[in-house]
Amino acid sequence: MSTLKTLVTAGTVAGGMVLALNVGAANAQDVKRDVQDIREDRQDIRKDARDIREDRRDLRQDRRELYQDRKAGDKDAVAKDLQDIRQDRRDLRKDVRDVQQDRRDLRQDRRELRTDRDVAEDRRDIRGDRQDIRKDTRDIRQDRRDLGQDRRQLYQDRKAGDKDAVKADLKDVKEERKDLKADQKDRRQDTRDLRRDRRDLRRDVNQTREAYRK
């Protein structure tokens, strides 16, 4: 039975390793890329904001020229001014759309950064859980060895009729059983933690994929 439990636990740990290796999820490089994307989005927004200010200055300038040319009765200049104003308005609308798109890109990249960081944190948690389970398994093996040794010693002392030694051996056996149960409980808890973190990882990976598809 103990061998079966060990195999099940080992399978859980191995499954966690396969999941961490196979999921198409984020890592430190993904997070670094997201940060770079956000930096570029902010640069684009600043550039588009400058373009919008420039377009508005051009539009005001062309309107002033239109007013002056109309006042002077210069029809050719008025026609050109009207053409310039239409172009200024087109440029302004385009730059406004650009800055709106850049802001959407920025929000998207921020969502991706959050999900990528969540995935990276989940992976760290899973690595920690696997380490805890391996340690618990080593502790359990040691507890079983100690318990077996104490039982052999108890058998020998009973055979020799040494009541004081038997009493001490019984106490040792009781303590070893308590240690074994405590370590088994720790391993069960760490296994539950590993399963929970694997679920978190799958959820965050799915969120990452959804974020990249948007």
N, C-alpha and C. Protein backbone atom coordinates (compact mmCIF):
# COMPACT_ATOMS: atom_id res chain seq x y z
N MET A 1 0.83 -1.21 0.00
CA MET A 1 0.00 0.00 0.00
C MET A 1 0.86 1.25 0.00
N SER A 2 1.92 1.24 0.84
CA SER A 2 2.79 2.42 0.90
C SER A 2 3.49 2.63 -0.43
N THR A 3 3.85 1.50 -1.10
CA THR A 3 4.49 1.62 -2.42
C THR A 3 3.54 2.25 -3.42
N LEU A 4 2.26 1.86 -3.35
CA LEU A 4 1.26 2.43 -4.26
C LEU A 4 1.12 3.93 -4.04
N LYS A 5 1.08 4.35 -2.75
CA LYS A 5 0.97 5.78 -2.45
C LYS A 5 2.17 6.54 -2.99
N THR A 6 3.35 5.93 -2.83
CA THR A 6 4.56 6.59 -3.33
C THR A 6 4.51 6.75 -4.84
N LEU A 7 4.02 5.69 -5.53
CA LEU A 7 3.92 5.75 -6.99
C LEU A 7 2.92 6.81 -7.43
N VAL A 8 1.79 6.89 -6.71
CA VAL A 8 0.78 7.90 -7.04
C VAL A 8 1.34 9.30 -6.86
N THR A 9 2.05 9.49 -5.74
CA THR A 9 2.64 10.81 -5.49
C THR A 9 3.68 11.15 -6.55
N ALA A 10 4.51 10.15 -6.89
CA ALA A 10 5.52 10.38 -7.92
C ALA A 10 4.86 10.72 -9.24
N GLY A 11 3.73 10.05 -9.53
CA GLY A 11 3.01 10.36 -10.77
C GLY A 11 2.47 11.77 -10.77
N THR A 12 2.00 12.21 -9.61
CA THR A 12 1.50 13.59 -9.49
C THR A 12 2.61 14.59 -9.75
N VAL A 13 3.77 14.34 -9.16
CA VAL A 13 4.92 15.23 -9.36
C VAL A 13 5.34 15.24 -10.81
N ALA A 14 5.42 14.03 -11.41
CA ALA A 14 5.83 13.95 -12.82
C ALA A 14 4.81 14.64 -13.71
N GLY A 15 3.51 14.46 -13.39
CA GLY A 15 2.49 15.15 -14.18
C GLY A 15 2.63 16.64 -14.13
N GLY A 16 2.97 17.16 -12.94
CA GLY A 16 3.19 18.60 -12.82
C GLY A 16 4.36 19.06 -13.66
N MET A 17 5.41 18.23 -13.72
CA MET A 17 6.58 18.59 -14.53
C MET A 17 6.23 18.62 -16.00
N VAL A 18 5.47 17.60 -16.45
CA VAL A 18 5.07 17.57 -17.86
C VAL A 18 4.21 18.76 -18.22
N LEU A 19 3.27 19.10 -17.32
CA LEU A 19 2.41 20.26 -17.57
C LEU A 19 3.22 21.53 -17.68
N ALA A 20 4.16 21.72 -16.74
CA ALA A 20 4.96 22.94 -16.75
C ALA A 20 5.81 23.04 -17.99
N LEU A 21 6.25 21.88 -18.53
CA LEU A 21 7.11 21.90 -19.70
C LEU A 21 6.32 22.06 -20.99
N ASN A 22 5.08 21.52 -21.01
CA ASN A 22 4.35 21.43 -22.26
C ASN A 22 3.40 22.58 -22.53
N VAL A 23 2.93 23.27 -21.49
CA VAL A 23 1.95 24.32 -21.73
C VAL A 23 2.57 25.45 -22.53
N GLY A 24 1.75 25.98 -23.47
CA GLY A 24 2.24 27.11 -24.25
C GLY A 24 2.06 28.39 -23.49
N ALA A 25 2.76 28.53 -22.40
CA ALA A 25 2.49 29.63 -21.48
C ALA A 25 3.66 30.59 -21.46
N ALA A 26 3.53 31.54 -20.55
CA ALA A 26 4.50 32.61 -20.48
C ALA A 26 5.67 32.24 -19.62
N ASN A 27 6.76 32.90 -19.84
CA ASN A 27 7.93 32.76 -18.98
C ASN A 27 8.55 34.14 -18.84
N ALA A 28 9.75 34.17 -18.32
CA ALA A 28 10.40 35.47 -18.10
C ALA A 28 10.56 36.24 -19.40
N GLN A 29 10.80 35.52 -20.50
CA GLN A 29 10.97 36.19 -21.79
C GLN A 29 9.65 36.82 -22.25
N ASP A 30 8.53 36.13 -22.00
CA ASP A 30 7.22 36.69 -22.35
C ASP A 30 6.95 37.98 -21.57
N VAL A 31 7.25 37.94 -20.28
CA VAL A 31 7.04 39.13 -19.44
C VAL A 31 7.90 40.29 -19.94
N LYS A 32 9.16 39.98 -20.27
CA LYS A 32 10.06 41.02 -20.79
C LYS A 32 9.52 41.60 -22.09
N ARG A 33 8.98 40.73 -22.96
CA ARG A 33 8.42 41.21 -24.22
C ARG A 33 7.20 42.09 -23.98
N ASP A 34 6.34 41.68 -23.02
CA ASP A 34 5.16 42.49 -22.71
C ASP A 34 5.55 43.87 -22.21
N VAL A 35 6.56 43.93 -21.35
CA VAL A 35 7.03 45.22 -20.84
C VAL A 35 7.53 46.10 -21.98
N GLN A 36 8.26 45.48 -22.92
CA GLN A 36 8.75 46.23 -24.08
C GLN A 36 7.59 46.72 -24.94
N ASP A 37 6.56 45.87 -25.13
CA ASP A 37 5.39 46.29 -25.92
C ASP A 37 4.69 47.48 -25.26
N ILE A 38 4.55 47.44 -23.95
CA ILE A 38 3.90 48.54 -23.23
C ILE A 38 4.71 49.83 -23.40
N ARG A 39 6.03 49.71 -23.30
CA ARG A 39 6.88 50.88 -23.48
C ARG A 39 6.69 51.47 -24.88
N GLU A 40 6.63 50.60 -25.90
CA GLU A 40 6.45 51.08 -27.27
C GLU A 40 5.06 51.68 -27.47
N ASP A 41 4.04 51.07 -26.84
CA ASP A 41 2.68 51.64 -26.93
C ASP A 41 2.65 53.06 -26.37
N ARG A 42 3.31 53.26 -25.24
CA ARG A 42 3.33 54.60 -24.64
C ARG A 42 4.06 55.58 -25.54
N GLN A 43 5.14 55.14 -26.16
CA GLN A 43 5.85 56.02 -27.10
C GLN A 43 4.95 56.38 -28.28
N ASP A 44 4.21 55.39 -28.79
CA ASP A 44 3.30 55.65 -29.91
C ASP A 44 2.21 56.65 -29.51
N ILE A 45 1.68 56.49 -28.30
CA ILE A 45 0.64 57.42 -27.83
C ILE A 45 1.19 58.83 -27.73
N ARG A 46 2.40 58.97 -27.18
CA ARG A 46 3.00 60.31 -27.09
C ARG A 46 3.22 60.91 -28.48
N LYS A 47 3.69 60.08 -29.41
CA LYS A 47 3.92 60.57 -30.78
C LYS A 47 2.60 61.00 -31.42
N ASP A 48 1.56 60.17 -31.29
CA ASP A 48 0.27 60.52 -31.87
C ASP A 48 -0.31 61.78 -31.23
N ALA A 49 -0.11 61.93 -29.93
CA ALA A 49 -0.59 63.14 -29.25
C ALA A 49 0.12 64.38 -29.81
N ARG A 50 1.42 64.25 -30.08
CA ARG A 50 2.15 65.38 -30.70
C ARG A 50 1.61 65.66 -32.09
N ASP A 51 1.33 64.59 -32.85
CA ASP A 51 0.78 64.77 -34.20
C ASP A 51 -0.58 65.48 -34.14
N ILE A 52 -1.40 65.11 -33.17
CA ILE A 52 -2.72 65.76 -33.04
C ILE A 52 -2.56 67.24 -32.74
N ARG A 53 -1.64 67.56 -31.83
CA ARG A 53 -1.41 68.99 -31.52
C ARG A 53 -0.93 69.74 -32.77
N GLU A 54 -0.05 69.08 -33.53
CA GLU A 54 0.46 69.71 -34.76
C GLU A 54 -0.67 69.89 -35.78
N ASP A 55 -1.52 68.88 -35.91
CA ASP A 55 -2.66 68.98 -36.85
C ASP A 55 -3.58 70.13 -36.47
N ARG A 56 -3.83 70.29 -35.18
CA ARG A 56 -4.72 71.37 -34.73
C ARG A 56 -4.09 72.75 -34.98
N ARG A 57 -2.77 72.82 -34.79
CA ARG A 57 -2.09 74.10 -35.11
C ARG A 57 -2.21 74.40 -36.60
N ASP A 58 -1.99 73.37 -37.43
CA ASP A 58 -2.10 73.57 -38.88
C ASP A 58 -3.52 74.00 -39.26
N LEU A 59 -4.50 73.36 -38.62
CA LEU A 59 -5.89 73.69 -38.94
C LEU A 59 -6.21 75.14 -38.56
N ARG A 60 -5.75 75.56 -37.39
CA ARG A 60 -5.98 76.96 -36.98
C ARG A 60 -5.28 77.92 -37.94
N GLN A 61 -4.05 77.56 -38.32
CA GLN A 61 -3.30 78.42 -39.24
C GLN A 61 -4.01 78.54 -40.59
N ASP A 62 -4.48 77.40 -41.11
CA ASP A 62 -5.16 77.43 -42.41
C ASP A 62 -6.48 78.20 -42.33
N ARG A 63 -7.16 78.13 -41.20
CA ARG A 63 -8.40 78.90 -41.04
C ARG A 63 -8.12 80.40 -41.01
N ARG A 64 -7.03 80.76 -40.35
CA ARG A 64 -6.66 82.19 -40.34
C ARG A 64 -6.34 82.66 -41.75
N GLU A 65 -5.60 81.83 -42.49
CA GLU A 65 -5.27 82.20 -43.87
C GLU A 65 -6.54 82.28 -44.73
N LEU A 66 -7.47 81.36 -44.51
CA LEU A 66 -8.73 81.39 -45.26
C LEU A 66 -9.49 82.68 -44.96
N TYR A 67 -9.53 83.07 -43.71
CA TYR A 67 -10.21 84.30 -43.34
C TYR A 67 -9.57 85.50 -44.04
N GLN A 68 -8.23 85.53 -44.03
CA GLN A 68 -7.53 86.65 -44.66
C GLN A 68 -7.73 86.66 -46.17
N ASP A 69 -7.65 85.47 -46.80
CA ASP A 69 -7.80 85.41 -48.26
C ASP A 69 -9.23 85.76 -48.69
N ARG A 70 -10.21 85.35 -47.90
CA ARG A 70 -11.59 85.74 -48.21
C ARG A 70 -11.76 87.25 -48.08
N LYS A 71 -11.14 87.78 -47.06
CA LYS A 71 -11.23 89.23 -46.84
C LYS A 71 -10.58 89.98 -47.99
N ALA A 72 -9.49 89.38 -48.53
CA ALA A 72 -8.78 90.01 -49.65
C ALA A 72 -9.45 89.72 -50.99
N GLY A 73 -10.40 88.79 -51.03
CA GLY A 73 -11.09 88.46 -52.27
C GLY A 73 -10.27 87.61 -53.20
N ASP A 74 -9.26 86.88 -52.68
CA ASP A 74 -8.39 86.04 -53.51
C ASP A 74 -9.03 84.65 -53.62
N LYS A 75 -9.77 84.43 -54.73
CA LYS A 75 -10.52 83.18 -54.87
C LYS A 75 -9.60 81.96 -54.99
N ASP A 76 -8.51 82.11 -55.73
CA ASP A 76 -7.60 80.96 -55.87
C ASP A 76 -7.01 80.56 -54.52
N ALA A 77 -6.62 81.58 -53.76
CA ALA A 77 -6.05 81.28 -52.44
C ALA A 77 -7.10 80.67 -51.52
N VAL A 78 -8.35 81.17 -51.63
CA VAL A 78 -9.44 80.61 -50.81
C VAL A 78 -9.65 79.14 -51.14
N ALA A 79 -9.65 78.80 -52.44
CA ALA A 79 -9.83 77.40 -52.85
C ALA A 79 -8.72 76.52 -52.27
N LYS A 80 -7.49 77.04 -52.32
CA LYS A 80 -6.37 76.27 -51.77
C LYS A 80 -6.50 76.14 -50.25
N ASP A 81 -6.91 77.23 -49.61
CA ASP A 81 -7.08 77.18 -48.15
C ASP A 81 -8.13 76.14 -47.75
N LEU A 82 -9.23 76.10 -48.49
CA LEU A 82 -10.27 75.11 -48.19
C LEU A 82 -9.75 73.68 -48.36
N GLN A 83 -8.95 73.50 -49.41
CA GLN A 83 -8.34 72.18 -49.63
C GLN A 83 -7.40 71.82 -48.48
N ASP A 84 -6.61 72.80 -48.05
CA ASP A 84 -5.69 72.55 -46.92
C ASP A 84 -6.46 72.21 -45.64
N ILE A 85 -7.56 72.91 -45.43
CA ILE A 85 -8.36 72.65 -44.22
C ILE A 85 -8.94 71.24 -44.24
N ARG A 86 -9.45 70.83 -45.43
CA ARG A 86 -9.98 69.46 -45.53
C ARG A 86 -8.89 68.43 -45.23
N GLN A 87 -7.69 68.69 -45.76
CA GLN A 87 -6.58 67.77 -45.50
C GLN A 87 -6.20 67.77 -44.01
N ASP A 88 -6.21 68.97 -43.42
CA ASP A 88 -5.90 69.04 -41.98
C ASP A 88 -6.91 68.23 -41.17
N ARG A 89 -8.17 68.33 -41.54
CA ARG A 89 -9.20 67.59 -40.81
C ARG A 89 -9.03 66.09 -40.99
N ARG A 90 -8.68 65.67 -42.22
CA ARG A 90 -8.42 64.24 -42.43
C ARG A 90 -7.24 63.76 -41.59
N ASP A 91 -6.17 64.57 -41.58
CA ASP A 91 -5.00 64.20 -40.77
C ASP A 91 -5.36 64.11 -39.29
N LEU A 92 -6.17 65.08 -38.85
CA LEU A 92 -6.55 65.10 -37.44
C LEU A 92 -7.38 63.86 -37.07
N ARG A 93 -8.36 63.52 -37.93
CA ARG A 93 -9.18 62.34 -37.66
C ARG A 93 -8.33 61.07 -37.64
N LYS A 94 -7.39 61.00 -38.58
CA LYS A 94 -6.52 59.82 -38.63
C LYS A 94 -5.67 59.70 -37.36
N ASP A 95 -5.11 60.82 -36.93
CA ASP A 95 -4.26 60.78 -35.73
C ASP A 95 -5.08 60.47 -34.47
N VAL A 96 -6.32 60.96 -34.43
CA VAL A 96 -7.19 60.63 -33.30
C VAL A 96 -7.47 59.13 -33.27
N ARG A 97 -7.76 58.56 -34.46
CA ARG A 97 -7.97 57.10 -34.53
C ARG A 97 -6.71 56.34 -34.12
N ASP A 98 -5.55 56.86 -34.53
CA ASP A 98 -4.29 56.20 -34.17
C ASP A 98 -4.09 56.18 -32.66
N VAL A 99 -4.35 57.30 -32.02
CA VAL A 99 -4.13 57.34 -30.57
C VAL A 99 -5.14 56.46 -29.85
N GLN A 100 -6.37 56.39 -30.38
CA GLN A 100 -7.35 55.47 -29.79
C GLN A 100 -6.90 54.02 -29.92
N GLN A 101 -6.37 53.68 -31.10
CA GLN A 101 -5.87 52.31 -31.30
C GLN A 101 -4.67 52.03 -30.40
N ASP A 102 -3.79 53.01 -30.27
CA ASP A 102 -2.63 52.82 -29.40
C ASP A 102 -3.05 52.59 -27.95
N ARG A 103 -4.09 53.29 -27.52
CA ARG A 103 -4.57 53.09 -26.15
C ARG A 103 -5.18 51.70 -25.98
N ARG A 104 -5.89 51.24 -27.02
CA ARG A 104 -6.41 49.86 -26.96
C ARG A 104 -5.27 48.86 -26.90
N ASP A 105 -4.23 49.10 -27.71
CA ASP A 105 -3.06 48.22 -27.68
C ASP A 105 -2.41 48.21 -26.30
N LEU A 106 -2.34 49.39 -25.70
CA LEU A 106 -1.73 49.49 -24.37
C LEU A 106 -2.53 48.69 -23.35
N ARG A 107 -3.86 48.83 -23.39
CA ARG A 107 -4.69 48.05 -22.46
C ARG A 107 -4.51 46.55 -22.69
N GLN A 108 -4.46 46.15 -23.97
CA GLN A 108 -4.27 44.74 -24.29
C GLN A 108 -2.93 44.23 -23.78
N ASP A 109 -1.88 45.01 -24.00
CA ASP A 109 -0.55 44.57 -23.56
C ASP A 109 -0.47 44.51 -22.04
N ARG A 110 -1.17 45.40 -21.37
CA ARG A 110 -1.19 45.34 -19.90
C ARG A 110 -1.90 44.08 -19.42
N ARG A 111 -3.00 43.71 -20.10
CA ARG A 111 -3.68 42.46 -19.74
C ARG A 111 -2.76 41.26 -19.95
N GLU A 112 -2.04 41.26 -21.08
CA GLU A 112 -1.12 40.16 -21.36
C GLU A 112 -0.01 40.10 -20.31
N LEU A 113 0.47 41.27 -19.90
CA LEU A 113 1.53 41.29 -18.89
C LEU A 113 1.02 40.69 -17.58
N ARG A 114 -0.19 41.07 -17.19
CA ARG A 114 -0.74 40.52 -15.94
C ARG A 114 -0.88 39.00 -16.02
N THR A 115 -1.42 38.50 -17.14
CA THR A 115 -1.60 37.05 -17.25
C THR A 115 -0.27 36.34 -17.35
N ASP A 116 0.71 36.93 -18.06
CA ASP A 116 2.03 36.30 -18.16
C ASP A 116 2.70 36.23 -16.79
N ARG A 117 2.54 37.29 -16.01
CA ARG A 117 3.12 37.27 -14.66
C ARG A 117 2.42 36.23 -13.78
N ASP A 118 1.10 36.10 -13.96
CA ASP A 118 0.37 35.08 -13.20
C ASP A 118 0.88 33.68 -13.54
N VAL A 119 1.11 33.43 -14.83
CA VAL A 119 1.60 32.12 -15.25
C VAL A 119 2.98 31.86 -14.68
N ALA A 120 3.85 32.87 -14.75
CA ALA A 120 5.21 32.71 -14.21
C ALA A 120 5.15 32.40 -12.71
N GLU A 121 4.24 33.09 -12.00
CA GLU A 121 4.10 32.84 -10.56
C GLU A 121 3.56 31.44 -10.30
N ASP A 122 2.60 30.99 -11.13
CA ASP A 122 2.08 29.62 -10.98
C ASP A 122 3.18 28.59 -11.16
N ARG A 123 4.05 28.82 -12.13
CA ARG A 123 5.14 27.87 -12.35
C ARG A 123 6.08 27.82 -11.15
N ARG A 124 6.35 28.99 -10.58
CA ARG A 124 7.21 29.00 -9.38
C ARG A 124 6.54 28.23 -8.24
N ASP A 125 5.23 28.43 -8.09
CA ASP A 125 4.50 27.71 -7.04
C ASP A 125 4.57 26.20 -7.26
N ILE A 126 4.42 25.77 -8.51
CA ILE A 126 4.46 24.34 -8.81
C ILE A 126 5.84 23.76 -8.52
N ARG A 127 6.87 24.49 -8.88
CA ARG A 127 8.23 24.01 -8.56
C ARG A 127 8.40 23.87 -7.06
N GLY A 128 7.89 24.86 -6.31
CA GLY A 128 7.99 24.79 -4.85
C GLY A 128 7.20 23.61 -4.29
N ASP A 129 6.00 23.36 -4.86
CA ASP A 129 5.19 22.23 -4.40
C ASP A 129 5.91 20.91 -4.66
N ARG A 130 6.51 20.78 -5.83
CA ARG A 130 7.21 19.52 -6.13
C ARG A 130 8.39 19.31 -5.18
N GLN A 131 9.10 20.40 -4.89
CA GLN A 131 10.20 20.28 -3.93
C GLN A 131 9.70 19.85 -2.56
N ASP A 132 8.57 20.44 -2.13
CA ASP A 132 7.99 20.06 -0.83
C ASP A 132 7.60 18.59 -0.82
N ILE A 133 6.99 18.12 -1.91
CA ILE A 133 6.56 16.72 -1.96
C ILE A 133 7.77 15.79 -1.93
N ARG A 134 8.81 16.13 -2.67
CA ARG A 134 10.02 15.29 -2.63
C ARG A 134 10.60 15.23 -1.23
N LYS A 135 10.63 16.38 -0.56
CA LYS A 135 11.15 16.40 0.81
C LYS A 135 10.26 15.56 1.74
N ASP A 136 8.94 15.70 1.60
CA ASP A 136 8.02 14.91 2.42
C ASP A 136 8.23 13.42 2.18
N THR A 137 8.43 13.05 0.92
CA THR A 137 8.63 11.63 0.59
C THR A 137 9.91 11.11 1.24
N ARG A 138 10.97 11.91 1.21
CA ARG A 138 12.22 11.50 1.87
C ARG A 138 12.00 11.35 3.38
N ASP A 139 11.26 12.30 3.96
CA ASP A 139 10.98 12.23 5.40
C ASP A 139 10.18 10.98 5.75
N ILE A 140 9.21 10.65 4.91
CA ILE A 140 8.38 9.46 5.16
C ILE A 140 9.24 8.19 5.09
N ARG A 141 10.10 8.12 4.10
CA ARG A 141 10.98 6.94 4.00
C ARG A 141 11.85 6.81 5.25
N GLN A 142 12.39 7.96 5.69
CA GLN A 142 13.23 7.92 6.89
C GLN A 142 12.41 7.51 8.11
N ASP A 143 11.19 8.04 8.23
CA ASP A 143 10.33 7.66 9.36
C ASP A 143 10.06 6.16 9.35
N ARG A 144 9.82 5.59 8.17
CA ARG A 144 9.54 4.15 8.10
C ARG A 144 10.78 3.33 8.47
N ARG A 145 11.94 3.83 8.03
CA ARG A 145 13.17 3.12 8.43
C ARG A 145 13.35 3.16 9.95
N ASP A 146 13.13 4.37 10.51
CA ASP A 146 13.27 4.50 11.97
C ASP A 146 12.25 3.63 12.71
N LEU A 147 11.03 3.61 12.20
CA LEU A 147 9.99 2.80 12.84
C LEU A 147 10.34 1.31 12.77
N GLY A 148 10.83 0.89 11.61
CA GLY A 148 11.24 -0.51 11.48
C GLY A 148 12.37 -0.86 12.44
N GLN A 149 13.33 0.07 12.57
CA GLN A 149 14.44 -0.15 13.50
C GLN A 149 13.94 -0.24 14.95
N ASP A 150 13.03 0.67 15.32
CA ASP A 150 12.50 0.64 16.69
C ASP A 150 11.71 -0.63 16.97
N ARG A 151 10.98 -1.12 15.98
CA ARG A 151 10.23 -2.36 16.17
C ARG A 151 11.16 -3.56 16.34
N ARG A 152 12.22 -3.56 15.56
CA ARG A 152 13.20 -4.65 15.73
C ARG A 152 13.83 -4.60 17.12
N GLN A 153 14.16 -3.37 17.55
CA GLN A 153 14.74 -3.21 18.88
C GLN A 153 13.75 -3.65 19.96
N LEU A 154 12.47 -3.31 19.78
CA LEU A 154 11.43 -3.73 20.73
C LEU A 154 11.34 -5.25 20.79
N TYR A 155 11.38 -5.89 19.64
CA TYR A 155 11.31 -7.35 19.60
C TYR A 155 12.47 -7.97 20.37
N GLN A 156 13.67 -7.40 20.14
CA GLN A 156 14.85 -7.96 20.81
C GLN A 156 14.78 -7.75 22.33
N ASP A 157 14.34 -6.55 22.74
CA ASP A 157 14.27 -6.27 24.18
C ASP A 157 13.19 -7.10 24.86
N ARG A 158 12.08 -7.34 24.18
CA ARG A 158 11.05 -8.20 24.75
C ARG A 158 11.58 -9.64 24.89
N LYS A 159 12.29 -10.05 23.87
CA LYS A 159 12.86 -11.40 23.90
C LYS A 159 13.85 -11.55 25.06
N ALA A 160 14.60 -10.44 25.34
CA ALA A 160 15.58 -10.48 26.43
C ALA A 160 14.94 -10.25 27.79
N GLY A 161 13.67 -9.84 27.81
CA GLY A 161 12.98 -9.61 29.07
C GLY A 161 13.37 -8.32 29.77
N ASP A 162 13.89 -7.35 29.00
CA ASP A 162 14.32 -6.06 29.58
C ASP A 162 13.13 -5.11 29.57
N LYS A 163 12.42 -5.04 30.71
CA LYS A 163 11.18 -4.26 30.78
C LYS A 163 11.42 -2.76 30.57
N ASP A 164 12.50 -2.24 31.16
CA ASP A 164 12.78 -0.80 31.00
C ASP A 164 13.05 -0.47 29.53
N ALA A 165 13.84 -1.32 28.88
CA ALA A 165 14.14 -1.10 27.47
C ALA A 165 12.87 -1.22 26.63
N VAL A 166 12.01 -2.19 26.98
CA VAL A 166 10.75 -2.36 26.25
C VAL A 166 9.89 -1.12 26.37
N LYS A 167 9.83 -0.57 27.58
CA LYS A 167 9.05 0.65 27.81
C LYS A 167 9.58 1.80 26.95
N ALA A 168 10.90 1.95 26.92
CA ALA A 168 11.51 3.01 26.10
C ALA A 168 11.25 2.76 24.62
N ASP A 169 11.34 1.48 24.21
CA ASP A 169 11.10 1.14 22.80
C ASP A 169 9.67 1.46 22.39
N LEU A 170 8.71 1.15 23.26
CA LEU A 170 7.31 1.45 22.96
C LEU A 170 7.09 2.96 22.78
N LYS A 171 7.77 3.73 23.63
CA LYS A 171 7.68 5.18 23.51
C LYS A 171 8.27 5.65 22.17
N ASP A 172 9.42 5.07 21.80
CA ASP A 172 10.04 5.43 20.52
C ASP A 172 9.14 5.07 19.35
N VAL A 173 8.54 3.88 19.42
CA VAL A 173 7.65 3.45 18.33
C VAL A 173 6.46 4.41 18.21
N LYS A 174 5.91 4.79 19.35
CA LYS A 174 4.79 5.73 19.35
C LYS A 174 5.18 7.07 18.71
N GLU A 175 6.37 7.57 19.07
CA GLU A 175 6.84 8.84 18.51
C GLU A 175 7.08 8.72 17.00
N GLU A 176 7.66 7.60 16.59
CA GLU A 176 7.92 7.41 15.16
C GLU A 176 6.62 7.36 14.36
N ARG A 177 5.59 6.71 14.94
CA ARG A 177 4.30 6.68 14.26
C ARG A 177 3.70 8.07 14.13
N LYS A 178 3.84 8.87 15.17
CA LYS A 178 3.35 10.25 15.12
C LYS A 178 4.08 11.04 14.04
N ASP A 179 5.42 10.88 14.00
CA ASP A 179 6.20 11.58 12.97
C ASP A 179 5.78 11.13 11.57
N LEU A 180 5.58 9.82 11.42
CA LEU A 180 5.19 9.29 10.11
C LEU A 180 3.84 9.85 9.68
N LYS A 181 2.86 9.86 10.60
CA LYS A 181 1.54 10.39 10.27
C LYS A 181 1.61 11.88 9.92
N ALA A 182 2.44 12.62 10.67
CA ALA A 182 2.57 14.05 10.40
C ALA A 182 3.17 14.29 9.02
N ASP A 183 4.21 13.52 8.66
CA ASP A 183 4.84 13.69 7.35
C ASP A 183 3.90 13.26 6.23
N GLN A 184 3.13 12.20 6.47
CA GLN A 184 2.15 11.79 5.46
C GLN A 184 1.08 12.86 5.27
N LYS A 185 0.67 13.48 6.37
CA LYS A 185 -0.30 14.57 6.29
C LYS A 185 0.28 15.74 5.51
N ASP A 186 1.56 16.08 5.77
CA ASP A 186 2.21 17.17 5.03
C ASP A 186 2.24 16.86 3.54
N ARG A 187 2.56 15.60 3.21
CA ARG A 187 2.64 15.27 1.79
C ARG A 187 1.27 15.34 1.12
N ARG A 188 0.23 14.90 1.83
CA ARG A 188 -1.12 15.02 1.26
C ARG A 188 -1.48 16.48 1.01
N GLN A 189 -1.13 17.34 1.97
CA GLN A 189 -1.42 18.77 1.80
C GLN A 189 -0.62 19.35 0.64
N ASP A 190 0.66 18.99 0.54
CA ASP A 190 1.49 19.50 -0.56
C ASP A 190 0.98 18.99 -1.90
N THR A 191 0.48 17.75 -1.92
CA THR A 191 -0.09 17.21 -3.16
C THR A 191 -1.34 17.99 -3.55
N ARG A 192 -2.18 18.32 -2.55
CA ARG A 192 -3.36 19.16 -2.84
C ARG A 192 -2.94 20.53 -3.35
N ASP A 193 -1.89 21.10 -2.73
CA ASP A 193 -1.39 22.40 -3.19
C ASP A 193 -0.92 22.31 -4.64
N LEU A 194 -0.24 21.22 -4.96
CA LEU A 194 0.26 21.05 -6.33
C LEU A 194 -0.91 20.97 -7.31
N ARG A 195 -1.93 20.20 -6.97
CA ARG A 195 -3.10 20.11 -7.87
C ARG A 195 -3.76 21.47 -8.05
N ARG A 196 -3.89 22.21 -6.93
CA ARG A 196 -4.52 23.53 -7.01
C ARG A 196 -3.68 24.46 -7.89
N ASP A 197 -2.35 24.44 -7.71
CA ASP A 197 -1.50 25.33 -8.50
C ASP A 197 -1.50 24.92 -9.97
N ARG A 198 -1.63 23.63 -10.23
CA ARG A 198 -1.73 23.19 -11.62
C ARG A 198 -3.03 23.70 -12.24
N ARG A 199 -4.12 23.67 -11.46
CA ARG A 199 -5.39 24.24 -11.98
C ARG A 199 -5.23 25.73 -12.24
N ASP A 200 -4.56 26.43 -11.31
CA ASP A 200 -4.33 27.87 -11.50
C ASP A 200 -3.51 28.11 -12.77
N LEU A 201 -2.51 27.26 -12.98
CA LEU A 201 -1.66 27.42 -14.16
C LEU A 201 -2.47 27.22 -15.43
N ARG A 202 -3.29 26.17 -15.47
CA ARG A 202 -4.12 25.94 -16.66
C ARG A 202 -5.07 27.11 -16.91
N ARG A 203 -5.67 27.62 -15.82
CA ARG A 203 -6.58 28.76 -15.97
C ARG A 203 -5.84 29.98 -16.52
N ASP A 204 -4.66 30.27 -15.95
CA ASP A 204 -3.91 31.44 -16.40
C ASP A 204 -3.38 31.26 -17.81
N VAL A 205 -3.01 30.02 -18.17
CA VAL A 205 -2.57 29.76 -19.54
C VAL A 205 -3.72 30.02 -20.51
N ASN A 206 -4.92 29.55 -20.15
CA ASN A 206 -6.09 29.80 -21.02
C ASN A 206 -6.37 31.29 -21.14
N GLN A 207 -6.24 32.01 -20.03
CA GLN A 207 -6.45 33.46 -20.09
C GLN A 207 -5.40 34.13 -20.97
N THR A 208 -4.17 33.63 -20.89
CA THR A 208 -3.11 34.18 -21.74
C THR A 208 -3.42 33.95 -23.20
N ARG A 209 -3.86 32.74 -23.52
CA ARG A 209 -4.19 32.45 -24.92
C ARG A 209 -5.34 33.32 -25.41
N GLU A 210 -6.35 33.50 -24.54
CA GLU A 210 -7.47 34.37 -24.91
C GLU A 210 -7.01 35.80 -25.12
N ALA A 211 -6.10 36.26 -24.26
CA ALA A 211 -5.60 37.64 -24.39
C ALA A 211 -4.85 37.82 -25.70
N TYR A 212 -4.06 36.81 -26.10
CA TYR A 212 -3.31 36.93 -27.35
C TYR A 212 -4.21 36.85 -28.58
N ARG A 213 -5.37 36.17 -28.42
CA ARG A 213 -6.28 36.06 -29.56
C ARG A 213 -7.07 37.32 -29.80
N LYS A 214 -7.20 38.16 -28.78
CA LYS A 214 -8.03 39.38 -28.91
C LYS A 214 -7.31 40.42 -29.76
